[in-house]
Amino acid sequence: MSDQSPIGRARRLRQNMTREETKLWGWLRARRFHGYKFLRQHPIIYQPDNKHPQFFIADFYCASKKLVIEVDGKIHDFQKEDDQHRDDILKGLGLRVLRIRNDELKDVVNVLDKIKSVLDS
């Protein structure tokens, strides 16, 4: 499997998750969070093409609720337009996007409440 393929890239990202992603994953994995199944570093293909599919890797994805959760570090302060473009494409696929800043994870209970609120809406 090519490292540039959606699956290959997702595997590499799973092996190199940020500290904040790892922290949140500890709460979301194995249906621990209210029984919802989340996938981590999940490829979402938005333009299928056998040779070069266009895709995004969602930090976390709950298929049953069509929810993408993105954990944003400092780099996202400088790529707001790119993030908005990505969010627009994902929303066009019928997905909801929840962005959580790294510093928000200092209060993980508040973040989990935020996620639960979105899942329930």
N, C-alpha and C. Protein backbone atom coordinates (compact mmCIF):
# COMPACT_ATOMS: atom_id res chain seq x y z
N MET A 1 0.86 -1.18 0.00
CA MET A 1 0.00 0.00 0.00
C MET A 1 0.90 1.23 0.00
N SER A 2 0.71 2.10 -0.95
CA SER A 2 1.52 3.30 -1.06
C SER A 2 1.28 4.23 0.13
N ASP A 3 2.36 4.86 0.60
CA ASP A 3 2.25 5.81 1.71
C ASP A 3 1.42 7.02 1.31
N GLN A 4 1.30 7.27 0.00
CA GLN A 4 0.51 8.40 -0.48
C GLN A 4 -0.96 8.04 -0.68
N SER A 5 -1.29 6.76 -0.58
CA SER A 5 -2.68 6.35 -0.70
C SER A 5 -3.42 6.81 0.55
N PRO A 6 -4.75 6.95 0.47
CA PRO A 6 -5.49 7.37 1.67
C PRO A 6 -5.24 6.46 2.87
N ILE A 7 -5.24 5.15 2.65
CA ILE A 7 -5.05 4.22 3.76
C ILE A 7 -3.62 4.28 4.29
N GLY A 8 -2.66 4.35 3.39
CA GLY A 8 -1.25 4.42 3.81
C GLY A 8 -0.96 5.68 4.60
N ARG A 9 -1.49 6.78 4.15
CA ARG A 9 -1.28 8.05 4.86
C ARG A 9 -1.97 8.03 6.23
N ALA A 10 -3.18 7.48 6.29
CA ALA A 10 -3.90 7.39 7.56
C ALA A 10 -3.13 6.51 8.56
N ARG A 11 -2.58 5.41 8.09
CA ARG A 11 -1.80 4.54 8.97
C ARG A 11 -0.60 5.28 9.55
N ARG A 12 0.08 6.03 8.71
CA ARG A 12 1.25 6.79 9.16
C ARG A 12 0.84 7.83 10.21
N LEU A 13 -0.28 8.51 9.96
CA LEU A 13 -0.75 9.51 10.91
C LEU A 13 -1.17 8.88 12.24
N ARG A 14 -1.74 7.68 12.19
CA ARG A 14 -2.13 6.98 13.43
C ARG A 14 -0.91 6.69 14.29
N GLN A 15 0.22 6.43 13.63
CA GLN A 15 1.46 6.12 14.36
C GLN A 15 2.12 7.38 14.91
N ASN A 16 1.69 8.55 14.46
CA ASN A 16 2.32 9.81 14.85
C ASN A 16 1.31 10.83 15.33
N MET A 17 0.36 10.39 16.14
CA MET A 17 -0.66 11.30 16.64
C MET A 17 -0.04 12.31 17.60
N THR A 18 -0.62 13.52 17.63
CA THR A 18 -0.14 14.52 18.58
C THR A 18 -0.55 14.13 20.00
N ARG A 19 0.07 14.76 20.96
CA ARG A 19 -0.27 14.50 22.37
C ARG A 19 -1.75 14.77 22.63
N GLU A 20 -2.27 15.86 22.04
CA GLU A 20 -3.67 16.21 22.24
C GLU A 20 -4.61 15.20 21.59
N GLU A 21 -4.27 14.74 20.37
CA GLU A 21 -5.08 13.71 19.70
C GLU A 21 -5.08 12.43 20.52
N THR A 22 -3.92 12.05 21.05
CA THR A 22 -3.81 10.84 21.86
C THR A 22 -4.66 10.96 23.12
N LYS A 23 -4.64 12.14 23.72
CA LYS A 23 -5.44 12.36 24.93
C LYS A 23 -6.93 12.19 24.64
N LEU A 24 -7.41 12.81 23.56
CA LEU A 24 -8.81 12.70 23.21
C LEU A 24 -9.17 11.27 22.79
N TRP A 25 -8.28 10.62 22.07
CA TRP A 25 -8.52 9.25 21.62
C TRP A 25 -8.73 8.32 22.81
N GLY A 26 -8.04 8.57 23.90
CA GLY A 26 -8.22 7.75 25.10
C GLY A 26 -9.66 7.77 25.60
N TRP A 27 -10.37 8.86 25.35
CA TRP A 27 -11.78 8.98 25.77
C TRP A 27 -12.75 8.47 24.72
N LEU A 28 -12.36 8.54 23.44
CA LEU A 28 -13.29 8.19 22.35
C LEU A 28 -13.19 6.74 21.89
N ARG A 29 -12.06 6.10 22.11
CA ARG A 29 -11.82 4.77 21.54
C ARG A 29 -12.71 3.70 22.17
N ALA A 30 -12.89 2.63 21.42
CA ALA A 30 -13.57 1.41 21.90
C ALA A 30 -14.97 1.68 22.44
N ARG A 31 -15.68 2.60 21.80
CA ARG A 31 -17.06 2.94 22.19
C ARG A 31 -17.18 3.39 23.65
N ARG A 32 -16.10 3.94 24.19
CA ARG A 32 -16.11 4.40 25.58
C ARG A 32 -16.97 5.63 25.79
N PHE A 33 -17.14 6.41 24.74
CA PHE A 33 -17.86 7.67 24.86
C PHE A 33 -19.32 7.47 24.48
N HIS A 34 -20.16 7.19 25.45
CA HIS A 34 -21.61 7.03 25.29
C HIS A 34 -21.97 5.99 24.22
N GLY A 35 -21.08 5.03 24.00
CA GLY A 35 -21.35 3.95 23.06
C GLY A 35 -21.14 4.30 21.60
N TYR A 36 -20.69 5.52 21.30
CA TYR A 36 -20.46 5.91 19.91
C TYR A 36 -19.14 5.34 19.41
N LYS A 37 -19.16 4.85 18.19
CA LYS A 37 -17.93 4.32 17.58
C LYS A 37 -17.23 5.46 16.83
N PHE A 38 -15.99 5.70 17.21
CA PHE A 38 -15.15 6.69 16.54
C PHE A 38 -13.98 5.98 15.88
N LEU A 39 -13.60 6.49 14.74
CA LEU A 39 -12.39 6.05 14.05
C LEU A 39 -11.38 7.18 14.14
N ARG A 40 -10.10 6.84 14.24
CA ARG A 40 -9.08 7.89 14.30
C ARG A 40 -8.31 7.93 12.99
N GLN A 41 -7.91 9.13 12.61
CA GLN A 41 -7.15 9.32 11.37
C GLN A 41 -7.81 8.56 10.23
N HIS A 42 -9.07 8.91 10.00
CA HIS A 42 -9.90 8.19 9.03
C HIS A 42 -9.92 8.94 7.69
N PRO A 43 -9.56 8.26 6.58
CA PRO A 43 -9.60 8.91 5.27
C PRO A 43 -11.04 9.11 4.78
N ILE A 44 -11.30 10.31 4.30
CA ILE A 44 -12.60 10.63 3.69
C ILE A 44 -12.31 11.07 2.26
N ILE A 45 -12.71 10.23 1.32
CA ILE A 45 -12.47 10.50 -0.09
C ILE A 45 -13.61 11.36 -0.62
N TYR A 46 -13.27 12.50 -1.20
CA TYR A 46 -14.30 13.39 -1.71
C TYR A 46 -14.30 13.49 -3.23
N GLN A 47 -13.28 12.99 -3.88
CA GLN A 47 -13.24 12.94 -5.34
C GLN A 47 -12.59 11.62 -5.75
N PRO A 48 -13.42 10.59 -5.94
CA PRO A 48 -12.85 9.28 -6.26
C PRO A 48 -12.15 9.29 -7.62
N ASP A 49 -11.01 8.65 -7.65
CA ASP A 49 -10.24 8.49 -8.88
C ASP A 49 -9.32 7.31 -8.59
N ASN A 50 -9.35 6.32 -9.44
CA ASN A 50 -8.58 5.11 -9.18
C ASN A 50 -7.09 5.37 -8.98
N LYS A 51 -6.53 6.33 -9.71
CA LYS A 51 -5.10 6.58 -9.61
C LYS A 51 -4.75 7.64 -8.57
N HIS A 52 -5.57 8.68 -8.47
CA HIS A 52 -5.26 9.79 -7.57
C HIS A 52 -6.51 10.32 -6.88
N PRO A 53 -7.06 9.57 -5.94
CA PRO A 53 -8.27 10.07 -5.26
C PRO A 53 -7.94 11.29 -4.41
N GLN A 54 -8.87 12.24 -4.36
CA GLN A 54 -8.73 13.40 -3.50
C GLN A 54 -9.35 13.04 -2.15
N PHE A 55 -8.62 13.30 -1.08
CA PHE A 55 -9.12 12.88 0.23
C PHE A 55 -8.60 13.80 1.33
N PHE A 56 -9.29 13.72 2.45
CA PHE A 56 -8.85 14.35 3.68
C PHE A 56 -8.72 13.24 4.72
N ILE A 57 -7.87 13.46 5.69
CA ILE A 57 -7.78 12.53 6.82
C ILE A 57 -8.41 13.25 8.01
N ALA A 58 -9.53 12.73 8.48
CA ALA A 58 -10.21 13.31 9.64
C ALA A 58 -9.49 12.81 10.90
N ASP A 59 -9.24 13.70 11.85
CA ASP A 59 -8.61 13.27 13.10
C ASP A 59 -9.46 12.19 13.76
N PHE A 60 -10.77 12.46 13.86
CA PHE A 60 -11.71 11.49 14.43
C PHE A 60 -13.00 11.55 13.62
N TYR A 61 -13.64 10.39 13.47
CA TYR A 61 -14.86 10.33 12.67
C TYR A 61 -15.86 9.37 13.31
N CYS A 62 -17.08 9.85 13.47
CA CYS A 62 -18.19 9.02 13.95
C CYS A 62 -19.18 8.88 12.79
N ALA A 63 -19.17 7.72 12.14
CA ALA A 63 -20.00 7.51 10.95
C ALA A 63 -21.49 7.56 11.25
N SER A 64 -21.89 7.02 12.39
CA SER A 64 -23.33 6.98 12.70
C SER A 64 -23.93 8.37 12.85
N LYS A 65 -23.11 9.34 13.23
CA LYS A 65 -23.59 10.71 13.40
C LYS A 65 -23.01 11.65 12.35
N LYS A 66 -22.25 11.08 11.40
CA LYS A 66 -21.63 11.85 10.33
C LYS A 66 -20.89 13.07 10.89
N LEU A 67 -20.08 12.81 11.92
CA LEU A 67 -19.35 13.87 12.61
C LEU A 67 -17.85 13.69 12.45
N VAL A 68 -17.21 14.75 11.98
CA VAL A 68 -15.76 14.82 11.90
C VAL A 68 -15.30 15.73 13.03
N ILE A 69 -14.32 15.26 13.80
CA ILE A 69 -13.72 16.09 14.85
C ILE A 69 -12.28 16.36 14.45
N GLU A 70 -11.93 17.63 14.40
CA GLU A 70 -10.57 18.05 14.09
C GLU A 70 -9.95 18.69 15.31
N VAL A 71 -8.76 18.24 15.68
CA VAL A 71 -8.02 18.82 16.78
C VAL A 71 -6.97 19.74 16.16
N ASP A 72 -7.11 21.04 16.42
CA ASP A 72 -6.30 22.05 15.74
C ASP A 72 -5.19 22.60 16.62
N GLY A 73 -3.96 22.46 16.14
CA GLY A 73 -2.81 23.06 16.78
C GLY A 73 -2.58 24.47 16.27
N LYS A 74 -1.46 25.05 16.65
CA LYS A 74 -1.12 26.43 16.29
C LYS A 74 -1.09 26.66 14.78
N ILE A 75 -0.68 25.65 14.02
CA ILE A 75 -0.57 25.80 12.57
C ILE A 75 -1.89 26.25 11.95
N HIS A 76 -2.99 25.88 12.57
CA HIS A 76 -4.30 26.21 12.03
C HIS A 76 -4.61 27.71 12.14
N ASP A 77 -3.85 28.43 12.98
CA ASP A 77 -3.99 29.88 13.06
C ASP A 77 -3.58 30.53 11.74
N PHE A 78 -2.75 29.85 10.97
CA PHE A 78 -2.20 30.40 9.74
C PHE A 78 -2.80 29.79 8.48
N GLN A 79 -3.78 28.91 8.62
CA GLN A 79 -4.38 28.28 7.44
C GLN A 79 -5.90 28.27 7.54
N LYS A 80 -6.46 29.36 8.02
CA LYS A 80 -7.91 29.44 8.21
C LYS A 80 -8.68 29.26 6.91
N GLU A 81 -8.18 29.83 5.82
CA GLU A 81 -8.87 29.68 4.53
C GLU A 81 -8.86 28.22 4.07
N ASP A 82 -7.74 27.56 4.23
CA ASP A 82 -7.64 26.13 3.86
C ASP A 82 -8.60 25.30 4.70
N ASP A 83 -8.64 25.59 6.00
CA ASP A 83 -9.54 24.85 6.89
C ASP A 83 -11.00 25.09 6.50
N GLN A 84 -11.33 26.34 6.16
CA GLN A 84 -12.71 26.65 5.77
C GLN A 84 -13.08 25.92 4.48
N HIS A 85 -12.15 25.89 3.53
CA HIS A 85 -12.38 25.18 2.27
C HIS A 85 -12.62 23.69 2.53
N ARG A 86 -11.80 23.11 3.38
CA ARG A 86 -11.95 21.70 3.76
C ARG A 86 -13.30 21.46 4.43
N ASP A 87 -13.65 22.34 5.38
CA ASP A 87 -14.94 22.21 6.08
C ASP A 87 -16.10 22.29 5.10
N ASP A 88 -16.00 23.19 4.14
CA ASP A 88 -17.07 23.34 3.14
C ASP A 88 -17.23 22.06 2.31
N ILE A 89 -16.12 21.45 1.92
CA ILE A 89 -16.19 20.20 1.15
C ILE A 89 -16.81 19.10 2.01
N LEU A 90 -16.39 18.99 3.25
CA LEU A 90 -16.93 17.96 4.14
C LEU A 90 -18.43 18.18 4.37
N LYS A 91 -18.82 19.42 4.57
CA LYS A 91 -20.24 19.73 4.75
C LYS A 91 -21.03 19.40 3.49
N GLY A 92 -20.41 19.60 2.33
CA GLY A 92 -21.04 19.24 1.07
C GLY A 92 -21.27 17.74 0.93
N LEU A 93 -20.50 16.96 1.68
CA LEU A 93 -20.67 15.51 1.70
C LEU A 93 -21.69 15.08 2.76
N GLY A 94 -22.31 16.06 3.41
CA GLY A 94 -23.31 15.76 4.43
C GLY A 94 -22.72 15.50 5.80
N LEU A 95 -21.46 15.90 6.01
CA LEU A 95 -20.80 15.69 7.29
C LEU A 95 -20.81 16.97 8.12
N ARG A 96 -20.80 16.80 9.43
CA ARG A 96 -20.66 17.94 10.34
C ARG A 96 -19.21 17.98 10.81
N VAL A 97 -18.71 19.16 11.04
CA VAL A 97 -17.32 19.32 11.46
C VAL A 97 -17.28 20.07 12.78
N LEU A 98 -16.57 19.50 13.74
CA LEU A 98 -16.34 20.15 15.03
C LEU A 98 -14.84 20.34 15.17
N ARG A 99 -14.44 21.59 15.32
CA ARG A 99 -13.02 21.91 15.51
C ARG A 99 -12.76 22.19 16.98
N ILE A 100 -11.73 21.56 17.49
CA ILE A 100 -11.32 21.73 18.89
C ILE A 100 -9.87 22.18 18.89
N ARG A 101 -9.60 23.29 19.55
CA ARG A 101 -8.22 23.78 19.64
C ARG A 101 -7.46 22.97 20.70
N ASN A 102 -6.17 22.80 20.46
CA ASN A 102 -5.34 22.05 21.39
C ASN A 102 -5.51 22.54 22.82
N ASP A 103 -5.50 23.86 23.01
CA ASP A 103 -5.56 24.41 24.37
C ASP A 103 -6.90 24.10 25.05
N GLU A 104 -7.94 23.83 24.28
CA GLU A 104 -9.23 23.46 24.87
C GLU A 104 -9.12 22.12 25.62
N LEU A 105 -8.20 21.27 25.19
CA LEU A 105 -8.07 19.95 25.80
C LEU A 105 -7.44 19.99 27.18
N LYS A 106 -7.06 21.17 27.64
CA LYS A 106 -6.62 21.31 29.03
C LYS A 106 -7.79 21.02 29.96
N ASP A 107 -9.01 21.28 29.47
CA ASP A 107 -10.24 20.98 30.21
C ASP A 107 -11.01 19.93 29.40
N VAL A 108 -10.57 18.68 29.51
CA VAL A 108 -11.13 17.62 28.68
C VAL A 108 -12.61 17.39 28.96
N VAL A 109 -13.05 17.63 30.18
CA VAL A 109 -14.46 17.44 30.51
C VAL A 109 -15.32 18.41 29.70
N ASN A 110 -14.87 19.65 29.57
CA ASN A 110 -15.60 20.64 28.77
C ASN A 110 -15.63 20.21 27.30
N VAL A 111 -14.51 19.70 26.80
CA VAL A 111 -14.45 19.23 25.40
C VAL A 111 -15.41 18.07 25.19
N LEU A 112 -15.44 17.13 26.13
CA LEU A 112 -16.34 15.98 26.00
C LEU A 112 -17.80 16.44 26.05
N ASP A 113 -18.11 17.43 26.87
CA ASP A 113 -19.47 17.99 26.91
C ASP A 113 -19.83 18.61 25.56
N LYS A 114 -18.87 19.30 24.97
CA LYS A 114 -19.07 19.93 23.66
C LYS A 114 -19.35 18.87 22.60
N ILE A 115 -18.56 17.80 22.60
CA ILE A 115 -18.75 16.71 21.64
C ILE A 115 -20.11 16.06 21.83
N LYS A 116 -20.46 15.79 23.07
CA LYS A 116 -21.76 15.15 23.37
C LYS A 116 -22.90 16.02 22.89
N SER A 117 -22.79 17.32 23.09
CA SER A 117 -23.83 18.25 22.65
C SER A 117 -24.03 18.19 21.13
N VAL A 118 -22.92 18.12 20.40
CA VAL A 118 -23.01 18.03 18.94
C VAL A 118 -23.58 16.68 18.52
N LEU A 119 -23.17 15.62 19.17
CA LEU A 119 -23.70 14.29 18.85
C LEU A 119 -25.20 14.22 19.10
N ASP A 120 -25.67 14.88 20.13
CA ASP A 120 -27.10 14.85 20.48
C ASP A 120 -27.96 15.76 19.63
N SER A 121 -27.34 16.69 18.91
CA SER A 121 -28.13 17.66 18.13
C SER A 121 -28.51 17.10 16.76
